[in-house]
C-alpha atoms as a PDB file:
ATOM      1  CA  MET A   1      97.274 106.873 109.705  1.00  0.00           C
ATOM      2  CA  GLY A   2      98.115 105.926 113.242  1.00  0.00           C
ATOM      3  CA  VAL A   3      96.391 103.487 115.573  1.00  0.00           C
ATOM      4  CA  HIS A   4      96.709 103.575 119.328  1.00  0.00           C
ATOM      5  CA  ARG A   5      95.403 100.614 121.352  1.00  0.00           C
ATOM      6  CA  PRO A   6      96.183 101.264 125.012  1.00  0.00           C
ATOM      7  CA  PRO A   7      95.694  98.425 127.506  1.00  0.00           C
ATOM      8  CA  LEU A   8      92.336  99.152 129.152  1.00  0.00           C
ATOM      9  CA  VAL A   9      92.937 102.867 129.598  1.00  0.00           C
ATOM     10  CA  ARG A  10      90.163 104.826 131.307  1.00  0.00           C
ATOM     11  CA  THR A  11      89.564 108.161 129.652  1.00  0.00           C
ATOM     12  CA  PRO A  12      87.024 110.950 130.029  1.00  0.00           C
ATOM     13  CA  SER A  13      84.408 111.288 127.316  1.00  0.00           C
ATOM     14  CA  TRP A  14      82.105 114.174 126.478  1.00  0.00           C
ATOM     15  CA  TRP A  15      79.167 111.747 126.334  1.00  0.00           C
ATOM     16  CA  PHE A  16      79.988 109.537 129.339  1.00  0.00           C
ATOM     17  CA  SER A  17      81.640 110.755 132.494  1.00  0.00           C
ATOM     18  CA  GLU A  18      84.107 107.882 132.122  1.00  0.00           C
ATOM     19  CA  GLY A  19      84.560 105.077 129.651  1.00  0.00           C
ATOM     20  CA  MET A  20      87.087 102.472 128.603  1.00  0.00           C
ATOM     21  CA  LEU A  21      89.059 103.376 125.476  1.00  0.00           C
ATOM     22  CA  VAL A  22      88.735 100.498 123.008  1.00  0.00           C
ATOM     23  CA  LEU A  23      90.381 102.081 119.948  1.00  0.00           C
ATOM     24  CA  ALA A  24      91.932 105.444 119.103  1.00  0.00           C
ATOM     25  CA  VAL A  25      92.694 106.281 115.474  1.00  0.00           C
ATOM     26  CA  THR A  26      94.388 109.306 113.970  1.00  0.00           C
ATOM     27  CA  THR A  27      93.617 109.575 110.276  1.00  0.00           C
ATOM     28  CA  ASP A  28      95.626 111.364 107.614  1.00  0.00           C
ATOM     29  CA  GLU A  29      95.302 115.100 107.088  1.00  0.00           C
ATOM     30  CA  TYR A  30      91.607 114.820 106.165  1.00  0.00           C
ATOM     31  CA  ARG A  31      88.945 115.378 108.825  1.00  0.00           C
ATOM     32  CA  CYS A  32      86.535 112.677 109.948  1.00  0.00           C
ATOM     33  CA  VAL A  33      83.071 113.964 109.112  1.00  0.00           C
ATOM     34  CA  SER A  34      80.820 110.993 109.915  1.00  0.00           C
ATOM     35  CA  LEU A  35      80.933 107.735 111.861  1.00  0.00           C
ATOM     36  CA  ALA A  36      78.929 104.519 112.153  1.00  0.00           C
ATOM     37  CA  LEU A  37      79.399 101.317 114.109  1.00  0.00           C
ATOM     38  CA  ASN A  38      77.842  98.071 112.907  1.00  0.00           C
ATOM     39  CA  SER A  39      75.346  96.384 115.227  1.00  0.00           C
ATOM     40  CA  ASP A  40      77.875  94.190 117.057  1.00  0.00           C
ATOM     41  CA  GLY A  41      80.572  96.877 117.273  1.00  0.00           C
ATOM     42  CA  THR A  42      83.181  94.978 115.256  1.00  0.00           C
ATOM     43  CA  LEU A  43      83.284  97.433 112.328  1.00  0.00           C
ATOM     44  CA  LEU A  44      83.599 101.212 112.243  1.00  0.00           C
ATOM     45  CA  ALA A  45      82.823 103.219 109.087  1.00  0.00           C
ATOM     46  CA  VAL A  46      84.437 106.650 108.778  1.00  0.00           C
ATOM     47  CA  GLY A  47      83.369 109.265 106.215  1.00  0.00           C
ATOM     48  CA  LYS A  48      86.106 111.818 105.565  1.00  0.00           C
ATOM     49  CA  SER A  49      86.309 115.353 104.248  1.00  0.00           C
ATOM     50  CA  ASN A  50      88.102 114.219 101.062  1.00  0.00           C
ATOM     51  CA  GLY A  51      85.307 111.972  99.732  1.00  0.00           C
ATOM     52  CA  MET A  52      86.832 108.748 101.070  1.00  0.00           C
ATOM     53  CA  VAL A  53      85.234 106.163 103.343  1.00  0.00           C
ATOM     54  CA  GLY A  54      87.247 103.800 105.504  1.00  0.00           C
ATOM     55  CA  ILE A  55      86.088 100.611 107.191  1.00  0.00           C
ATOM     56  CA  TRP A  56      87.975  99.663 110.370  1.00  0.00           C
ATOM     57  CA  ASP A  57      88.110  96.355 112.217  1.00  0.00           C
ATOM     58  CA  VAL A  58      87.633  97.609 115.794  1.00  0.00           C
ATOM     59  CA  ARG A  59      89.105  94.523 117.487  1.00  0.00           C
ATOM     60  CA  ALA A  60      92.202  94.345 115.278  1.00  0.00           C
ATOM     61  CA  GLY A  61      92.598  98.127 115.239  1.00  0.00           C
ATOM     62  CA  GLU A  62      93.244  98.314 111.521  1.00  0.00           C
ATOM     63  CA  ALA A  63      91.656  99.596 108.348  1.00  0.00           C
ATOM     64  CA  ILE A  64      90.324  96.740 106.233  1.00  0.00           C
ATOM     65  CA  ARG A  65      88.809  98.634 103.292  1.00  0.00           C
ATOM     66  CA  HIS A  66      88.793 102.100 101.727  1.00  0.00           C
ATOM     67  CA  PHE A  67      86.673 103.372  98.876  1.00  0.00           C
ATOM     68  CA  LEU A  68      85.835 106.639  97.194  1.00  0.00           C
ATOM     69  CA  HIS A  69      82.302 107.933  97.680  1.00  0.00           C
ATOM     70  CA  ASP A  70      82.690 111.341  96.002  1.00  0.00           C
ATOM     71  CA  LEU A  71      84.812 111.561  92.852  1.00  0.00           C
ATOM     72  CA  LEU A  72      85.187 115.327  93.358  1.00  0.00           C
ATOM     73  CA  GLY A  73      86.510 114.909  96.892  1.00  0.00           C
ATOM     74  CA  GLY A  74      83.579 116.464  98.771  1.00  0.00           C
ATOM     75  CA  PRO A  75      82.929 115.459 102.378  1.00  0.00           C
ATOM     76  CA  VAL A  76      81.103 112.225 103.162  1.00  0.00           C
ATOM     77  CA  ARG A  77      78.594 113.630 105.643  1.00  0.00           C
ATOM     78  CA  ALA A  78      76.829 110.372 106.534  1.00  0.00           C
ATOM     79  CA  VAL A  79      77.576 106.662 106.834  1.00  0.00           C
ATOM     80  CA  ALA A  80      75.289 103.884 108.130  1.00  0.00           C
ATOM     81  CA  PHE A  81      75.399 100.090 108.342  1.00  0.00           C
ATOM     82  CA  SER A  82      72.335  97.955 107.732  1.00  0.00           C
ATOM     83  CA  ALA A  83      71.248  95.956 110.801  1.00  0.00           C
ATOM     84  CA  ASP A  84      72.696  92.745 109.341  1.00  0.00           C
ATOM     85  CA  GLY A  85      75.993  94.484 108.541  1.00  0.00           C
ATOM     86  CA  ARG A  86      75.942  93.494 104.870  1.00  0.00           C
ATOM     87  CA  LEU A  87      75.280  96.958 103.454  1.00  0.00           C
ATOM     88  CA  LEU A  88      76.781 100.399 103.992  1.00  0.00           C
ATOM     89  CA  ALA A  89      74.978 103.596 103.025  1.00  0.00           C
ATOM     90  CA  THR A  90      77.071 106.712 102.368  1.00  0.00           C
ATOM     91  CA  ALA A  91      75.992 110.238 101.481  1.00  0.00           C
ATOM     92  CA  GLY A  92      77.426 113.704 101.280  1.00  0.00           C
ATOM     93  CA  ALA A  93      78.306 116.868  99.450  1.00  0.00           C
ATOM     94  CA  ASP A  94      77.988 115.176  96.046  1.00  0.00           C
ATOM     95  CA  ARG A  95      74.192 115.051  96.685  1.00  0.00           C
ATOM     96  CA  HIS A  96      74.100 111.256  96.329  1.00  0.00           C
ATOM     97  CA  LEU A  97      72.933 108.414  98.514  1.00  0.00           C
ATOM     98  CA  LYS A  98      74.963 105.303  97.714  1.00  0.00           C
ATOM     99  CA  VAL A  99      74.356 101.848  99.134  1.00  0.00           C
ATOM    100  CA  ARG A 100      77.240  99.423  98.841  1.00  0.00           C
ATOM    101  CA  ASN A 101      77.386  95.659  99.344  1.00  0.00           C
ATOM    102  CA  LEU A 102      80.293  95.303 101.782  1.00  0.00           C
ATOM    103  CA  ARG A 103      81.187  91.776 100.696  1.00  0.00           C
ATOM    104  CA  THR A 104      81.570  92.635  97.000  1.00  0.00           C
ATOM    105  CA  GLY A 105      82.259  96.368  97.301  1.00  0.00           C
ATOM    106  CA  LYS A 106      79.681  97.083  94.568  1.00  0.00           C
ATOM    107  CA  VAL A 107      77.329 100.052  94.684  1.00  0.00           C
ATOM    108  CA  ILE A 108      73.842  98.520  94.507  1.00  0.00           C
ATOM    109  CA  LEU A 109      71.823 101.743  94.820  1.00  0.00           C
ATOM    110  CA  ARG A 110      72.576 105.352  93.878  1.00  0.00           C
ATOM    111  CA  ARG A 111      70.046 108.169  94.244  1.00  0.00           C
ATOM    112  CA  GLU A 112      70.646 111.861  93.599  1.00  0.00           C
ATOM    113  CA  HIS A 113      69.118 114.524  95.854  1.00  0.00           C
ATOM    114  CA  PRO A 114      68.482 118.230  95.116  1.00  0.00           C
ATOM    115  CA  GLY A 115      71.091 119.260  97.716  1.00  0.00           C
ATOM    116  CA  GLU A 116      73.797 117.846  99.959  1.00  0.00           C
ATOM    117  CA  VAL A 117      72.765 114.778 101.934  1.00  0.00           C
ATOM    118  CA  LEU A 118      73.450 115.350 105.632  1.00  0.00           C
ATOM    119  CA  ALA A 119      72.347 112.105 107.293  1.00  0.00           C
ATOM    120  CA  VAL A 120      71.339 108.539 106.448  1.00  0.00           C
ATOM    121  CA  ALA A 121      69.917 105.554 108.353  1.00  0.00           C
ATOM    122  CA  PHE A 122      68.611 102.087 107.588  1.00  0.00           C
ATOM    123  CA  GLY A 123      65.262 100.979 108.940  1.00  0.00           C
ATOM    124  CA  PRO A 124      65.313  98.074 111.411  1.00  0.00           C
ATOM    125  CA  GLY A 125      64.636  95.418 108.763  1.00  0.00           C
ATOM    126  CA  GLY A 126      66.932  97.021 106.193  1.00  0.00           C
ATOM    127  CA  ALA A 127      64.165  97.456 103.612  1.00  0.00           C
ATOM    128  CA  LEU A 128      63.966 101.242 104.098  1.00  0.00           C
ATOM    129  CA  ILE A 129      66.624 103.955 104.092  1.00  0.00           C
ATOM    130  CA  ALA A 130      66.056 107.486 105.421  1.00  0.00           C
ATOM    131  CA  THR A 131      67.971 110.549 104.204  1.00  0.00           C
ATOM    132  CA  ALA A 132      68.059 114.162 105.365  1.00  0.00           C
ATOM    133  CA  CYS A 133      68.886 116.745 102.692  1.00  0.00           C
ATOM    134  CA  THR A 134      69.794 120.435 102.732  1.00  0.00           C
ATOM    135  CA  ASP A 135      66.554 121.110 100.847  1.00  0.00           C
ATOM    136  CA  GLY A 136      64.787 120.443 104.184  1.00  0.00           C
ATOM    137  CA  VAL A 137      63.149 117.223 103.025  1.00  0.00           C
ATOM    138  CA  LEU A 138      63.394 114.008 105.015  1.00  0.00           C
ATOM    139  CA  ARG A 139      62.994 111.126 102.540  1.00  0.00           C
ATOM    140  CA  VAL A 140      62.393 107.425 103.081  1.00  0.00           C
ATOM    141  CA  TRP A 141      63.587 105.199 100.231  1.00  0.00           C
ATOM    142  CA  SER A 142      62.945 101.552  99.451  1.00  0.00           C
ATOM    143  CA  ARG A 143      66.012  99.380  98.829  1.00  0.00           C
ATOM    144  CA  ALA A 144      64.913  99.468  95.178  1.00  0.00           C
ATOM    145  CA  GLY A 145      65.412 103.261  95.178  1.00  0.00           C
ATOM    146  CA  LYS A 146      61.778 104.411  95.193  1.00  0.00           C
ATOM    147  CA  VAL A 147      60.743 107.290  97.470  1.00  0.00           C
ATOM    148  CA  GLU A 148      58.250 105.691  99.863  1.00  0.00           C
ATOM    149  CA  SER A 149      57.529 108.883 101.817  1.00  0.00           C
ATOM    150  CA  GLN A 150      58.901 112.343 102.416  1.00  0.00           C
ATOM    151  CA  VAL A 151      58.398 115.125 104.943  1.00  0.00           C
ATOM    152  CA  ASP A 152      58.945 118.691 103.748  1.00  0.00           C
ATOM    153  CA  GLY A 153      60.590 120.666 106.551  1.00  0.00           C
ATOM    154  CA  GLY A 154      61.463 117.399 108.337  1.00  0.00           C
ATOM    155  CA  CYS A 155      65.130 118.360 108.678  1.00  0.00           C
ATOM    156  CA  SER A 156      67.383 121.406 108.508  1.00  0.00           C
ATOM    157  CA  ALA A 157      70.948 122.407 107.641  1.00  0.00           C
ATOM    158  CA  SER A 158      71.980 121.473 111.209  1.00  0.00           C
ATOM    159  CA  THR A 159      70.682 117.892 110.903  1.00  0.00           C
ATOM    160  CA  ARG A 160      73.478 115.345 111.369  1.00  0.00           C
ATOM    161  CA  SER A 161      71.551 112.164 112.160  1.00  0.00           C
ATOM    162  CA  VAL A 162      68.348 110.358 111.277  1.00  0.00           C
ATOM    163  CA  ALA A 163      66.886 107.290 112.964  1.00  0.00           C
ATOM    164  CA  PHE A 164      63.823 105.104 112.788  1.00  0.00           C
ATOM    165  CA  SER A 165      61.778 104.932 115.985  1.00  0.00           C
ATOM    166  CA  PRO A 166      60.301 101.578 117.098  1.00  0.00           C
ATOM    167  CA  ASN A 167      56.932 102.540 115.561  1.00  0.00           C
ATOM    168  CA  GLY A 168      58.559 103.243 112.177  1.00  0.00           C
ATOM    169  CA  ALA A 169      58.591 107.037 112.342  1.00  0.00           C
ATOM    170  CA  VAL A 170      61.758 108.765 111.126  1.00  0.00           C
ATOM    171  CA  LEU A 171      63.426 111.280 113.435  1.00  0.00           C
ATOM    172  CA  ALA A 172      66.090 113.877 112.589  1.00  0.00           C
ATOM    173  CA  GLY A 173      68.731 115.118 115.037  1.00  0.00           C
ATOM    174  CA  SER A 174      72.032 116.950 115.314  1.00  0.00           C
ATOM    175  CA  ALA A 175      74.322 114.345 116.948  1.00  0.00           C
ATOM    176  CA  THR A 176      77.546 113.265 115.223  1.00  0.00           C
ATOM    177  CA  GLU A 177      78.448 110.312 117.426  1.00  0.00           C
ATOM    178  CA  ALA A 178      77.802 106.651 116.623  1.00  0.00           C
ATOM    179  CA  ALA A 179      76.817 103.792 118.911  1.00  0.00           C
ATOM    180  CA  THR A 180      75.938 100.131 118.750  1.00  0.00           C
ATOM    181  CA  PRO A 181      72.197  99.479 119.212  1.00  0.00           C
ATOM    182  CA  ASP A 182      72.771  98.106 122.722  1.00  0.00           C
ATOM    183  CA  GLY A 183      75.012 101.059 123.680  1.00  0.00           C
ATOM    184  CA  SER A 184      77.993  98.832 124.485  1.00  0.00           C
ATOM    185  CA  LEU A 185      80.338 100.883 122.250  1.00  0.00           C
ATOM    186  CA  VAL A 186      80.325 104.552 121.283  1.00  0.00           C
ATOM    187  CA  ALA A 187      82.464 106.279 118.639  1.00  0.00           C
ATOM    188  CA  THR A 188      83.249 109.995 118.692  1.00  0.00           C
ATOM    189  CA  THR A 189      85.341 112.238 116.470  1.00  0.00           C
ATOM    190  CA  THR A 190      87.145 115.542 116.787  1.00  0.00           C
ATOM    191  CA  GLY A 191      88.742 116.532 113.501  1.00  0.00           C
ATOM    192  CA  ASN A 192      91.058 113.710 112.468  1.00  0.00           C
ATOM    193  CA  GLU A 193      90.970 111.745 115.737  1.00  0.00           C
ATOM    194  CA  ILE A 194      88.453 108.970 116.339  1.00  0.00           C
ATOM    195  CA  LYS A 195      87.825 107.234 119.657  1.00  0.00           C
ATOM    196  CA  VAL A 196      85.775 104.115 120.266  1.00  0.00           C
ATOM    197  CA  LEU A 197      84.757 103.852 123.918  1.00  0.00           C
ATOM    198  CA  ARG A 198      83.069 101.258 126.085  1.00  0.00           C
ATOM    199  CA  PRO A 199      80.859 103.194 128.538  1.00  0.00           C
ATOM    200  CA  ALA A 200      81.578 102.856 132.243  1.00  0.00           C
ATOM    201  CA  ALA A 201      79.184 100.506 133.996  1.00  0.00           C
END
């Protein structure tokens, strides 16, 4: 893996007309499939096509933890941090939602779905977790692993993101970028290259 940290380089972005490059990472031969930034933009989670997940320290520009999500090596299609940054949810081709305590590294919740899991998000308080599955069902789980609600036809095979709206509704979308809640940092991926950008003012 290579890390490139240019001194305040301005670079074009497909999302912003211009932005400041904060971190550029080239991973190994496996594609980056999903991205998430924690709420203060200090950590970046990367789900890869080989079943691995990496956690990067954005400021230091280095990987600080790697773990295997899918024992069979299927792509990790979704990663999400809880608002407090203590938990990471991962999901993918293995049809499992897994929630991991980042301090201990332990999986504290594992739930199987009827198909691949395409997207995952924590609710604002961290008590709920939404998943989008290839079976077309958008599910909302409690942290204890109980299905609190589900919407048949709430997502599709093109769904790549889910989010909770301020009123608690769950929305599905097709974006593959990640951003901090305040929009101060944005992460994008093209294959095995990841860029973290600070939007132009």
